[in-house]
Amino acid sequence: MNIANSPAVSAVSSAQPSDGVQLLLLRKALQSQAQTAATMLQALPQQPKLATEGSIGTHINTYA
C-alpha cells in the first residue's frame, strides 16, 4: 500500500519540531485504525472445508 500521496503523510513531512503532539496523535490514530481493522478481519467467518469424499462438493467449494 502506497501512502506517499496521503494528506496525513504530507502534513507529517512538513511538520515543525513543535508539532510533536500532533504527530503523536496521528500515530495513535493510525495504530487504533490498524487494531480495528485486524479485529474486523479476525471476526470474519471461516470458509467451510472442501468435501473429501463422495460425489458432491469435492471439486468446487460453493456456499451461500
C-alpha atoms as a PDB file:
ATOM      1  CA  MET A   1       0.000   0.000   0.000  1.00  0.00           C
ATOM      2  CA  ASN A   2       1.475   3.336  -1.063  1.00  0.00           C
ATOM      3  CA  ILE A   3       0.588   6.181   1.293  1.00  0.00           C
ATOM      4  CA  ALA A   4       3.035   8.729  -0.123  1.00  0.00           C
ATOM      5  CA  ASN A   5       0.241  10.896  -1.574  1.00  0.00           C
ATOM      6  CA  SER A   6      -1.857  10.844   1.589  1.00  0.00           C
ATOM      7  CA  PRO A   7      -2.665  14.272   3.081  1.00  0.00           C
ATOM      8  CA  ALA A   8      -1.745  12.960   6.534  1.00  0.00           C
ATOM      9  CA  VAL A   9       1.717  11.914   5.332  1.00  0.00           C
ATOM     10  CA  SER A  10       2.217  15.266   3.605  1.00  0.00           C
ATOM     11  CA  ALA A  11       1.299  17.071   6.815  1.00  0.00           C
ATOM     12  CA  VAL A  12       3.766  14.977   8.791  1.00  0.00           C
ATOM     13  CA  SER A  13       6.620  15.502   6.349  1.00  0.00           C
ATOM     14  CA  SER A  14       6.276  19.298   6.521  1.00  0.00           C
ATOM     15  CA  ALA A  15       5.811  19.427  10.309  1.00  0.00           C
ATOM     16  CA  GLN A  16       7.850  21.669  12.566  1.00  0.00           C
ATOM     17  CA  PRO A  17       9.618  20.261  15.645  1.00  0.00           C
ATOM     18  CA  SER A  18       6.979  21.901  17.834  1.00  0.00           C
ATOM     19  CA  ASP A  19       4.309  19.749  16.186  1.00  0.00           C
ATOM     20  CA  GLY A  20       5.308  16.678  18.202  1.00  0.00           C
ATOM     21  CA  VAL A  21       1.920  16.457  19.914  1.00  0.00           C
ATOM     22  CA  GLN A  22       0.121  16.376  16.570  1.00  0.00           C
ATOM     23  CA  LEU A  23       2.482  13.685  15.298  1.00  0.00           C
ATOM     24  CA  LEU A  24       1.868  11.604  18.401  1.00  0.00           C
ATOM     25  CA  LEU A  25      -1.890  11.984  17.949  1.00  0.00           C
ATOM     26  CA  LEU A  26      -1.618  10.935  14.283  1.00  0.00           C
ATOM     27  CA  ARG A  27       0.466   7.887  15.215  1.00  0.00           C
ATOM     28  CA  LYS A  28      -2.050   6.829  17.876  1.00  0.00           C
ATOM     29  CA  ALA A  29      -4.952   7.284  15.451  1.00  0.00           C
ATOM     30  CA  LEU A  30      -3.217   5.132  12.823  1.00  0.00           C
ATOM     31  CA  GLN A  31      -2.462   2.431  15.399  1.00  0.00           C
ATOM     32  CA  SER A  32      -6.080   2.464  16.541  1.00  0.00           C
ATOM     33  CA  GLN A  33      -7.294   2.063  12.965  1.00  0.00           C
ATOM     34  CA  ALA A  34      -4.891  -0.834  12.407  1.00  0.00           C
ATOM     35  CA  GLN A  35      -6.128  -2.595  15.540  1.00  0.00           C
ATOM     36  CA  THR A  36      -9.752  -2.100  14.499  1.00  0.00           C
ATOM     37  CA  ALA A  37      -9.060  -3.498  11.028  1.00  0.00           C
ATOM     38  CA  ALA A  38      -7.269  -6.536  12.491  1.00  0.00           C
ATOM     39  CA  THR A  39     -10.187  -7.194  14.845  1.00  0.00           C
ATOM     40  CA  MET A  40     -12.680  -6.975  11.992  1.00  0.00           C
ATOM     41  CA  LEU A  41     -10.649  -9.397   9.860  1.00  0.00           C
ATOM     42  CA  GLN A  42     -10.469 -11.897  12.711  1.00  0.00           C
ATOM     43  CA  ALA A  43     -14.254 -11.681  13.168  1.00  0.00           C
ATOM     44  CA  LEU A  44     -14.947 -12.879   9.611  1.00  0.00           C
ATOM     45  CA  PRO A  45     -16.382 -16.407   9.487  1.00  0.00           C
ATOM     46  CA  GLN A  46     -14.098 -19.175   8.266  1.00  0.00           C
ATOM     47  CA  GLN A  47     -14.888 -20.740   4.904  1.00  0.00           C
ATOM     48  CA  PRO A  48     -16.198 -24.294   5.021  1.00  0.00           C
ATOM     49  CA  LYS A  49     -13.729 -27.028   4.078  1.00  0.00           C
ATOM     50  CA  LEU A  50     -13.924 -28.807   0.742  1.00  0.00           C
ATOM     51  CA  ALA A  51     -15.522 -32.261   0.971  1.00  0.00           C
ATOM     52  CA  THR A  52     -13.018 -35.099   0.872  1.00  0.00           C
ATOM     53  CA  GLU A  53     -15.323 -37.967  -0.107  1.00  0.00           C
ATOM     54  CA  GLY A  54     -18.478 -38.519  -2.108  1.00  0.00           C
ATOM     55  CA  SER A  55     -19.568 -37.167  -5.469  1.00  0.00           C
ATOM     56  CA  ILE A  56     -20.811 -33.763  -4.276  1.00  0.00           C
ATOM     57  CA  GLY A  57     -18.585 -30.908  -3.160  1.00  0.00           C
ATOM     58  CA  THR A  58     -15.231 -32.499  -3.859  1.00  0.00           C
ATOM     59  CA  HIS A  59     -14.238 -30.269  -6.780  1.00  0.00           C
ATOM     60  CA  ILE A  60     -15.885 -26.883  -6.246  1.00  0.00           C
ATOM     61  CA  ASN A  61     -16.440 -25.209  -2.893  1.00  0.00           C
ATOM     62  CA  THR A  62     -19.635 -23.137  -3.162  1.00  0.00           C
ATOM     63  CA  TYR A  63     -21.764 -21.765  -0.362  1.00  0.00           C
ATOM     64  CA  ALA A  64     -24.391 -19.081   0.091  1.00  0.00           C
END
